[in-house]
C-alpha atoms as a PDB file:
ATOM      1  CA  MET A   1       0.062  -0.280   0.106  1.00  0.00           C
ATOM      2  CA  ALA A   2       1.484   3.550  -1.169  1.00  0.00           C
ATOM      3  CA  LYS A   3       2.379   5.509   1.841  1.00  0.00           C
ATOM      4  CA  THR A   4       3.300   8.817   0.143  1.00  0.00           C
ATOM      5  CA  LEU A   5       0.690   9.796  -2.614  1.00  0.00           C
ATOM      6  CA  GLN A   6      -0.913  12.221  -0.291  1.00  0.00           C
ATOM      7  CA  ASP A   7       2.844  14.111   0.700  1.00  0.00           C
ATOM      8  CA  PRO A   8       3.166  17.417   0.152  1.00  0.00           C
ATOM      9  CA  LYS A   9       6.240  18.298  -2.512  1.00  0.00           C
ATOM     10  CA  ASP A  10       8.592  20.231   0.419  1.00  0.00           C
ATOM     11  CA  VAL A  11       8.123  17.077   2.443  1.00  0.00           C
ATOM     12  CA  LEU A  12       9.210  14.422  -0.899  1.00  0.00           C
ATOM     13  CA  VAL A  13      11.716  17.124  -1.872  1.00  0.00           C
ATOM     14  CA  ASP A  14      13.087  16.560   1.714  1.00  0.00           C
ATOM     15  CA  ARG A  15      13.192  13.189   1.460  1.00  0.00           C
ATOM     16  CA  ALA A  16      14.897  12.600  -1.957  1.00  0.00           C
ATOM     17  CA  GLU A  17      17.598  15.590  -0.918  1.00  0.00           C
ATOM     18  CA  ARG A  18      18.560  12.980   2.286  1.00  0.00           C
ATOM     19  CA  GLN A  19      18.478   9.818  -0.003  1.00  0.00           C
ATOM     20  CA  MET A  20      20.772  11.293  -2.412  1.00  0.00           C
ATOM     21  CA  ASP A  21      23.586  12.260   0.204  1.00  0.00           C
ATOM     22  CA  ARG A  22      23.097   8.751   1.368  1.00  0.00           C
ATOM     23  CA  HIS A  23      23.812   7.040  -2.249  1.00  0.00           C
ATOM     24  CA  PHE A  24      25.949   9.399  -3.928  1.00  0.00           C
ATOM     25  CA  GLY A  25      29.366  10.492  -1.903  1.00  0.00           C
ATOM     26  CA  ASP A  26      32.207  11.701  -2.524  1.00  0.00           C
ATOM     27  CA  SER A  27      34.150   9.865  -5.380  1.00  0.00           C
ATOM     28  CA  GLU A  28      37.737   8.934  -4.446  1.00  0.00           C
ATOM     29  CA  LEU A  29      39.243  10.397  -7.734  1.00  0.00           C
ATOM     30  CA  THR A  30      42.602  12.624  -7.743  1.00  0.00           C
ATOM     31  CA  THR A  31      41.930  16.579  -8.521  1.00  0.00           C
ATOM     32  CA  ARG A  32      44.080  15.469 -11.656  1.00  0.00           C
ATOM     33  CA  GLN A  33      42.036  12.846 -12.828  1.00  0.00           C
ATOM     34  CA  LYS A  34      38.779  15.045 -12.320  1.00  0.00           C
ATOM     35  CA  LEU A  35      40.176  17.345 -14.762  1.00  0.00           C
ATOM     36  CA  ALA A  36      41.437  14.765 -17.404  1.00  0.00           C
ATOM     37  CA  LEU A  37      38.339  12.929 -17.423  1.00  0.00           C
ATOM     38  CA  THR A  38      36.523  16.599 -18.053  1.00  0.00           C
ATOM     39  CA  CYS A  39      38.389  17.724 -20.691  1.00  0.00           C
ATOM     40  CA  ARG A  40      37.287  14.138 -22.207  1.00  0.00           C
ATOM     41  CA  ILE A  41      33.816  14.506 -21.508  1.00  0.00           C
ATOM     42  CA  ALA A  42      34.346  18.082 -22.669  1.00  0.00           C
ATOM     43  CA  TYR A  43      35.823  16.983 -25.801  1.00  0.00           C
ATOM     44  CA  ASP A  44      33.155  14.261 -26.569  1.00  0.00           C
ATOM     45  CA  GLY A  45      29.957  16.864 -25.283  1.00  0.00           C
ATOM     46  CA  GLY A  46      31.077  18.931 -28.863  1.00  0.00           C
ATOM     47  CA  HIS A  47      33.039  21.508 -26.216  1.00  0.00           C
ATOM     48  CA  ASP A  48      36.623  20.792 -29.067  1.00  0.00           C
ATOM     49  CA  SER A  49      37.273  23.773 -31.066  1.00  0.00           C
ATOM     50  CA  GLY A  50      41.252  23.007 -31.985  1.00  0.00           C
ATOM     51  CA  LEU A  51      43.257  24.436 -29.074  1.00  0.00           C
ATOM     52  CA  ALA A  52      40.756  27.097 -27.934  1.00  0.00           C
ATOM     53  CA  GLY A  53      39.573  26.642 -24.831  1.00  0.00           C
ATOM     54  CA  GLN A  54      40.988  26.180 -20.896  1.00  0.00           C
ATOM     55  CA  ILE A  55      40.064  23.659 -18.121  1.00  0.00           C
ATOM     56  CA  SER A  56      41.251  24.620 -14.703  1.00  0.00           C
ATOM     57  CA  SER A  57      41.108  24.035 -11.028  1.00  0.00           C
ATOM     58  CA  ARG A  58      42.471  24.863  -7.897  1.00  0.00           C
ATOM     59  CA  GLY A  59      45.760  23.689  -6.134  1.00  0.00           C
ATOM     60  CA  ARG A  60      46.609  22.789  -3.108  1.00  0.00           C
ATOM     61  CA  GLU A  61      48.838  26.089  -2.345  1.00  0.00           C
ATOM     62  CA  PRO A  62      47.083  29.534  -3.176  1.00  0.00           C
ATOM     63  CA  GLY A  63      47.629  31.062  -6.109  1.00  0.00           C
ATOM     64  CA  THR A  64      48.021  28.069  -7.806  1.00  0.00           C
ATOM     65  CA  TYR A  65      46.006  25.829 -10.058  1.00  0.00           C
ATOM     66  CA  TYR A  66      46.346  22.992 -12.692  1.00  0.00           C
ATOM     67  CA  THR A  67      45.332  23.226 -16.489  1.00  0.00           C
ATOM     68  CA  GLN A  68      46.384  21.440 -19.763  1.00  0.00           C
ATOM     69  CA  ARG A  69      49.032  21.978 -22.014  1.00  0.00           C
ATOM     70  CA  LEU A  70      49.230  23.763 -24.812  1.00  0.00           C
ATOM     71  CA  GLY A  71      49.747  22.058 -27.819  1.00  0.00           C
ATOM     72  CA  LEU A  72      47.664  19.278 -26.705  1.00  0.00           C
ATOM     73  CA  GLY A  73      43.312  18.993 -27.310  1.00  0.00           C
ATOM     74  CA  PHE A  74      40.686  17.826 -24.599  1.00  0.00           C
ATOM     75  CA  ASP A  75      41.051  14.320 -26.263  1.00  0.00           C
ATOM     76  CA  GLU A  76      44.453  14.259 -25.327  1.00  0.00           C
ATOM     77  CA  ILE A  77      44.543  15.438 -21.556  1.00  0.00           C
ATOM     78  CA  THR A  78      45.535  13.031 -18.970  1.00  0.00           C
ATOM     79  CA  GLU A  79      46.412  12.847 -15.443  1.00  0.00           C
ATOM     80  CA  ASP A  80      49.964  12.613 -15.604  1.00  0.00           C
ATOM     81  CA  ASN A  81      50.107  15.580 -18.983  1.00  0.00           C
ATOM     82  CA  LEU A  82      48.164  17.926 -16.681  1.00  0.00           C
ATOM     83  CA  LEU A  83      50.568  21.083 -15.614  1.00  0.00           C
ATOM     84  CA  LEU A  84      50.453  22.782 -12.274  1.00  0.00           C
ATOM     85  CA  VAL A  85      50.902  26.410 -12.553  1.00  0.00           C
ATOM     86  CA  ASN A  86      50.753  29.723 -10.708  1.00  0.00           C
ATOM     87  CA  GLU A  87      49.045  33.163 -11.096  1.00  0.00           C
ATOM     88  CA  ASP A  88      52.092  34.515 -13.524  1.00  0.00           C
ATOM     89  CA  LEU A  89      51.371  31.139 -15.765  1.00  0.00           C
ATOM     90  CA  GLU A  90      54.715  29.651 -14.694  1.00  0.00           C
ATOM     91  CA  VAL A  91      55.281  26.048 -14.318  1.00  0.00           C
ATOM     92  CA  LEU A  92      55.219  24.312 -11.117  1.00  0.00           C
ATOM     93  CA  GLU A  93      54.875  20.909 -12.301  1.00  0.00           C
ATOM     94  CA  GLY A  94      54.456  19.374 -15.782  1.00  0.00           C
ATOM     95  CA  THR A  95      56.527  19.623 -18.723  1.00  0.00           C
ATOM     96  CA  GLY A  96      55.426  22.598 -21.096  1.00  0.00           C
ATOM     97  CA  MET A  97      53.740  25.792 -21.141  1.00  0.00           C
ATOM     98  CA  PRO A  98      49.836  26.500 -20.361  1.00  0.00           C
ATOM     99  CA  ASN A  99      47.532  28.497 -22.799  1.00  0.00           C
ATOM    100  CA  PRO A 100      48.523  32.454 -22.500  1.00  0.00           C
ATOM    101  CA  ALA A 101      45.043  32.779 -22.563  1.00  0.00           C
ATOM    102  CA  ASN A 102      44.922  31.328 -18.695  1.00  0.00           C
ATOM    103  CA  ARG A 103      45.729  34.477 -17.269  1.00  0.00           C
ATOM    104  CA  PHE A 104      41.756  35.717 -16.949  1.00  0.00           C
ATOM    105  CA  HIS A 105      41.674  32.603 -15.208  1.00  0.00           C
ATOM    106  CA  SER A 106      43.620  34.169 -12.924  1.00  0.00           C
ATOM    107  CA  TRP A 107      41.503  36.715 -11.900  1.00  0.00           C
ATOM    108  CA  ILE A 108      38.328  34.878 -11.631  1.00  0.00           C
ATOM    109  CA  TYR A 109      39.673  32.562  -9.000  1.00  0.00           C
ATOM    110  CA  ARG A 110      40.825  36.029  -7.296  1.00  0.00           C
ATOM    111  CA  GLU A 111      37.703  37.792  -7.129  1.00  0.00           C
ATOM    112  CA  ARG A 112      35.572  34.651  -6.396  1.00  0.00           C
ATOM    113  CA  ALA A 113      37.107  32.584  -3.587  1.00  0.00           C
ATOM    114  CA  ASP A 114      33.665  30.140  -3.931  1.00  0.00           C
ATOM    115  CA  VAL A 115      35.036  29.269  -7.404  1.00  0.00           C
ATOM    116  CA  ASN A 116      37.328  26.006  -7.543  1.00  0.00           C
ATOM    117  CA  CYS A 117      37.079  24.905 -11.255  1.00  0.00           C
ATOM    118  CA  ILE A 118      36.877  27.025 -14.509  1.00  0.00           C
ATOM    119  CA  ILE A 119      35.924  25.646 -17.878  1.00  0.00           C
ATOM    120  CA  HIS A 120      36.157  27.981 -21.150  1.00  0.00           C
ATOM    121  CA  THR A 121      35.092  26.587 -24.811  1.00  0.00           C
ATOM    122  CA  HIS A 122      33.971  27.971 -28.100  1.00  0.00           C
ATOM    123  CA  PRO A 123      31.209  24.826 -28.288  1.00  0.00           C
ATOM    124  CA  LEU A 124      29.651  25.089 -32.021  1.00  0.00           C
ATOM    125  CA  HIS A 125      26.260  26.030 -31.283  1.00  0.00           C
ATOM    126  CA  THR A 126      27.321  28.457 -27.749  1.00  0.00           C
ATOM    127  CA  ALA A 127      29.487  29.948 -30.325  1.00  0.00           C
ATOM    128  CA  ALA A 128      27.021  30.624 -33.147  1.00  0.00           C
ATOM    129  CA  LEU A 129      24.563  31.917 -30.008  1.00  0.00           C
ATOM    130  CA  ALA A 130      27.631  34.399 -29.194  1.00  0.00           C
ATOM    131  CA  MET A 131      27.726  35.679 -32.729  1.00  0.00           C
ATOM    132  CA  LEU A 132      23.974  37.512 -32.299  1.00  0.00           C
ATOM    133  CA  GLU A 133      25.094  39.123 -29.199  1.00  0.00           C
ATOM    134  CA  VAL A 134      22.259  37.821 -27.629  1.00  0.00           C
ATOM    135  CA  PRO A 135      21.856  36.669 -23.712  1.00  0.00           C
ATOM    136  CA  LEU A 136      21.095  32.827 -22.824  1.00  0.00           C
ATOM    137  CA  VAL A 137      17.348  31.997 -22.576  1.00  0.00           C
ATOM    138  CA  VAL A 138      16.748  29.546 -19.981  1.00  0.00           C
ATOM    139  CA  SER A 139      13.082  28.377 -21.255  1.00  0.00           C
ATOM    140  CA  GLN A 140      13.392  24.196 -20.655  1.00  0.00           C
ATOM    141  CA  MET A 141      13.707  22.367 -17.370  1.00  0.00           C
ATOM    142  CA  ASP A 142      17.198  20.483 -17.713  1.00  0.00           C
ATOM    143  CA  THR A 143      18.633  23.561 -18.177  1.00  0.00           C
ATOM    144  CA  THR A 144      17.315  25.363 -15.365  1.00  0.00           C
ATOM    145  CA  PRO A 145      20.699  25.077 -13.025  1.00  0.00           C
ATOM    146  CA  LEU A 146      21.742  28.185 -15.603  1.00  0.00           C
ATOM    147  CA  TYR A 147      17.979  30.304 -14.567  1.00  0.00           C
ATOM    148  CA  ASP A 148      19.137  33.403 -13.673  1.00  0.00           C
ATOM    149  CA  ASP A 149      22.941  32.386 -13.419  1.00  0.00           C
ATOM    150  CA  CYS A 150      24.639  32.897 -16.615  1.00  0.00           C
ATOM    151  CA  ALA A 151      26.029  36.621 -17.018  1.00  0.00           C
ATOM    152  CA  PHE A 152      26.719  37.942 -20.375  1.00  0.00           C
ATOM    153  CA  LEU A 153      29.208  40.223 -22.615  1.00  0.00           C
ATOM    154  CA  LYS A 154      28.154  41.845 -25.063  1.00  0.00           C
ATOM    155  CA  ASP A 155      31.481  43.487 -26.113  1.00  0.00           C
ATOM    156  CA  TRP A 156      34.245  41.266 -27.518  1.00  0.00           C
ATOM    157  CA  PRO A 157      37.330  42.379 -25.280  1.00  0.00           C
ATOM    158  CA  GLY A 158      39.605  40.916 -27.946  1.00  0.00           C
ATOM    159  CA  VAL A 159      42.447  37.675 -27.581  1.00  0.00           C
ATOM    160  CA  PRO A 160      41.949  37.663 -24.007  1.00  0.00           C
ATOM    161  CA  VAL A 161      45.921  37.186 -22.957  1.00  0.00           C
ATOM    162  CA  GLY A 162      45.880  40.479 -21.166  1.00  0.00           C
ATOM    163  CA  ASN A 163      45.070  41.425 -17.706  1.00  0.00           C
ATOM    164  CA  GLU A 164      42.364  43.899 -19.169  1.00  0.00           C
ATOM    165  CA  GLU A 165      40.726  41.085 -20.550  1.00  0.00           C
ATOM    166  CA  GLY A 166      40.767  39.170 -17.044  1.00  0.00           C
ATOM    167  CA  GLU A 167      39.579  42.481 -15.546  1.00  0.00           C
ATOM    168  CA  ILE A 168      36.592  42.739 -17.963  1.00  0.00           C
ATOM    169  CA  ILE A 169      35.731  39.045 -17.544  1.00  0.00           C
ATOM    170  CA  SER A 170      35.824  38.591 -14.297  1.00  0.00           C
ATOM    171  CA  ALA A 171      33.894  41.602 -13.649  1.00  0.00           C
ATOM    172  CA  ALA A 172      31.281  40.500 -16.210  1.00  0.00           C
ATOM    173  CA  LEU A 173      30.876  37.540 -14.826  1.00  0.00           C
ATOM    174  CA  GLY A 174      30.180  38.850 -11.311  1.00  0.00           C
ATOM    175  CA  ASP A 175      28.196  35.760  -8.678  1.00  0.00           C
ATOM    176  CA  LYS A 176      27.163  33.955 -11.802  1.00  0.00           C
ATOM    177  CA  ARG A 177      28.267  30.807 -12.192  1.00  0.00           C
ATOM    178  CA  ALA A 178      28.128  31.015 -16.194  1.00  0.00           C
ATOM    179  CA  ILE A 179      28.771  33.792 -18.454  1.00  0.00           C
ATOM    180  CA  LEU A 180      28.317  33.806 -22.469  1.00  0.00           C
ATOM    181  CA  LEU A 181      30.800  35.838 -24.091  1.00  0.00           C
ATOM    182  CA  ALA A 182      29.928  37.641 -27.057  1.00  0.00           C
ATOM    183  CA  HIS A 183      31.626  36.817 -30.312  1.00  0.00           C
ATOM    184  CA  HIS A 184      33.711  34.198 -28.074  1.00  0.00           C
ATOM    185  CA  GLY A 185      31.881  31.526 -26.355  1.00  0.00           C
ATOM    186  CA  GLN A 186      31.299  30.438 -22.913  1.00  0.00           C
ATOM    187  CA  LEU A 187      32.521  30.459 -18.975  1.00  0.00           C
ATOM    188  CA  VAL A 188      31.489  28.094 -16.437  1.00  0.00           C
ATOM    189  CA  THR A 189      32.575  28.029 -12.567  1.00  0.00           C
ATOM    190  CA  GLY A 190      31.971  25.805 -10.003  1.00  0.00           C
ATOM    191  CA  ALA A 191      32.758  24.958  -6.482  1.00  0.00           C
ATOM    192  CA  THR A 192      33.642  21.661  -7.416  1.00  0.00           C
ATOM    193  CA  ILE A 193      35.133  20.066 -10.915  1.00  0.00           C
ATOM    194  CA  GLU A 194      31.417  18.095 -10.834  1.00  0.00           C
ATOM    195  CA  GLU A 195      29.748  21.538 -10.789  1.00  0.00           C
ATOM    196  CA  ALA A 196      31.428  23.095 -13.560  1.00  0.00           C
ATOM    197  CA  CYS A 197      31.374  20.062 -15.581  1.00  0.00           C
ATOM    198  CA  THR A 198      27.567  19.658 -15.268  1.00  0.00           C
ATOM    199  CA  LEU A 199      27.224  22.929 -16.193  1.00  0.00           C
ATOM    200  CA  ALA A 200      29.654  23.115 -19.000  1.00  0.00           C
ATOM    201  CA  LEU A 201      27.658  20.401 -20.540  1.00  0.00           C
ATOM    202  CA  LEU A 202      24.553  22.274 -20.012  1.00  0.00           C
ATOM    203  CA  ILE A 203      24.815  25.409 -21.397  1.00  0.00           C
ATOM    204  CA  GLU A 204      25.796  24.386 -24.540  1.00  0.00           C
ATOM    205  CA  ARG A 205      23.320  21.948 -24.582  1.00  0.00           C
ATOM    206  CA  ALA A 206      20.841  25.609 -23.915  1.00  0.00           C
ATOM    207  CA  ALA A 207      22.789  27.758 -26.536  1.00  0.00           C
ATOM    208  CA  ARG A 208      21.322  24.760 -29.189  1.00  0.00           C
ATOM    209  CA  LEU A 209      17.888  24.842 -27.947  1.00  0.00           C
ATOM    210  CA  GLN A 210      17.581  28.724 -27.519  1.00  0.00           C
ATOM    211  CA  LEU A 211      19.068  28.226 -31.639  1.00  0.00           C
ATOM    212  CA  LEU A 212      15.980  25.754 -32.421  1.00  0.00           C
ATOM    213  CA  ALA A 213      13.368  27.147 -30.761  1.00  0.00           C
ATOM    214  CA  MET A 214      14.536  30.738 -31.677  1.00  0.00           C
ATOM    215  CA  SER A 215      14.187  29.360 -35.822  1.00  0.00           C
ATOM    216  CA  ALA A 216      10.703  28.005 -34.851  1.00  0.00           C
ATOM    217  CA  GLY A 217       9.311  30.786 -33.377  1.00  0.00           C
ATOM    218  CA  THR A 218       8.939  32.530 -30.045  1.00  0.00           C
ATOM    219  CA  ILE A 219      10.464  31.293 -26.870  1.00  0.00           C
ATOM    220  CA  ARG A 220       7.954  31.501 -24.034  1.00  0.00           C
ATOM    221  CA  PRO A 221       9.723  32.586 -20.316  1.00  0.00           C
ATOM    222  CA  LEU A 222       9.574  30.299 -17.492  1.00  0.00           C
ATOM    223  CA  ASP A 223       7.756  30.717 -14.886  1.00  0.00           C
ATOM    224  CA  PRO A 224      10.315  32.468 -12.487  1.00  0.00           C
ATOM    225  CA  ALA A 225       9.296  31.078  -8.701  1.00  0.00           C
ATOM    226  CA  LEU A 226       9.315  27.586 -10.805  1.00  0.00           C
ATOM    227  CA  ALA A 227      12.525  28.001 -12.830  1.00  0.00           C
ATOM    228  CA  ARG A 228      14.085  29.114  -9.731  1.00  0.00           C
ATOM    229  CA  GLU A 229      12.698  26.589  -7.701  1.00  0.00           C
ATOM    230  CA  ALA A 230      13.956  24.021 -10.222  1.00  0.00           C
ATOM    231  CA  HIS A 231      17.430  25.443 -10.233  1.00  0.00           C
ATOM    232  CA  ASP A 232      17.593  24.922  -6.750  1.00  0.00           C
ATOM    233  CA  TRP A 233      16.786  21.332  -7.090  1.00  0.00           C
ATOM    234  CA  THR A 234      18.843  20.817 -10.112  1.00  0.00           C
ATOM    235  CA  SER A 235      21.984  22.630  -8.603  1.00  0.00           C
ATOM    236  CA  THR A 236      23.239  20.175  -5.371  1.00  0.00           C
ATOM    237  CA  ASP A 237      26.615  18.941  -4.772  1.00  0.00           C
ATOM    238  CA  ARG A 238      25.187  15.833  -4.731  1.00  0.00           C
ATOM    239  CA  ARG A 239      23.385  15.609  -8.084  1.00  0.00           C
ATOM    240  CA  SER A 240      26.478  17.451  -9.605  1.00  0.00           C
ATOM    241  CA  LYS A 241      28.242  14.568  -8.538  1.00  0.00           C
ATOM    242  CA  ALA A 242      25.996  11.582  -9.870  1.00  0.00           C
ATOM    243  CA  ASN A 243      25.890  13.712 -13.440  1.00  0.00           C
ATOM    244  CA  PHE A 244      29.829  13.784 -13.548  1.00  0.00           C
ATOM    245  CA  ALA A 245      29.990   9.964 -12.246  1.00  0.00           C
ATOM    246  CA  TYR A 246      27.809   8.572 -15.064  1.00  0.00           C
ATOM    247  CA  CYS A 247      29.870  11.267 -17.622  1.00  0.00           C
ATOM    248  CA  ALA A 248      32.770   9.778 -16.645  1.00  0.00           C
ATOM    249  CA  ARG A 249      32.008   6.364 -16.832  1.00  0.00           C
ATOM    250  CA  LYS A 250      31.312   6.911 -20.548  1.00  0.00           C
ATOM    251  CA  ALA A 251      34.094   8.828 -20.958  1.00  0.00           C
ATOM    252  CA  LEU A 252      36.361   6.058 -19.491  1.00  0.00           C
ATOM    253  CA  ARG A 253      34.661   3.672 -21.822  1.00  0.00           C
ATOM    254  CA  ASN A 254      36.183   6.039 -24.640  1.00  0.00           C
ATOM    255  CA  HIS A 255      38.845   7.097 -23.463  1.00  0.00           C
ATOM    256  CA  PRO A 256      40.718   4.724 -21.000  1.00  0.00           C
ATOM    257  CA  ASP A 257      44.238   6.061 -21.480  1.00  0.00           C
ATOM    258  CA  CYS A 258      43.470   9.252 -19.359  1.00  0.00           C
ATOM    259  CA  VAL A 259      43.625   8.078 -16.158  1.00  0.00           C
ATOM    260  CA  THR A 260      45.685   5.598 -14.068  1.00  0.00           C
ATOM    261  CA  GLY A 261      44.952   2.533 -12.416  1.00  0.00           C
ATOM    262  CA  GLN A 262      41.605   1.342 -11.560  1.00  0.00           C
ATOM    263  CA  VAL A 263      38.812   4.132 -10.859  1.00  0.00           C
ATOM    264  CA  ASP A 264      35.939   3.188  -8.913  1.00  0.00           C
ATOM    265  CA  LEU A 265      32.891   5.394 -10.452  1.00  0.00           C
END
């Protein structure tokens, strides 16, 4: 006999969140492993654009972060060929050089103590939407983690290798988790690598949905209260970890070389 069919939504939400806390714990993956898997997940998710884009995560010491080596595509990143750099992009661990455009990552990490991972890429649909100089519109349930959480930089500041671009991009991001960069691409942040990886996949899907919807008619807005409810429900730490584990399992099937040894997901 069913016992919950008369329970109100808030009771059911609380029960589901407690269940997720029990069933989806922290993984034993290292930061390097998570970052290498994120590069492969991004590659499989359409975020590859030659050597463009950077994915980074804070290191153990203040003012340091891991990122990929310039000259390697996302599909070539392993836990062993990642670099550890400081805010001046000096290599502390690893061989090679980071992308000079990583400079604006240093600015965001300085401005946002809550950010531990940054993913900046030029995926096809996000880049196409960026060419129109219109903000991202979130009007579909799956993409609500980005509802009222994606900033927009209308003016392209040029190649982002100077400190000026770091100041402009970090200021435009503000307290949001994501930003659409006109004539450029996208940038998402996360308190964890898992959160940032999830948002990176979602922003490309949201841009693709927006372009499809715009070609067919006028996009209708979500009810703000319901959209905020969905944003909060889909943005929990445990949900990000579950999403990441699923994507990581797929990535490992396609790219078993990106991590060393046995990985339990």
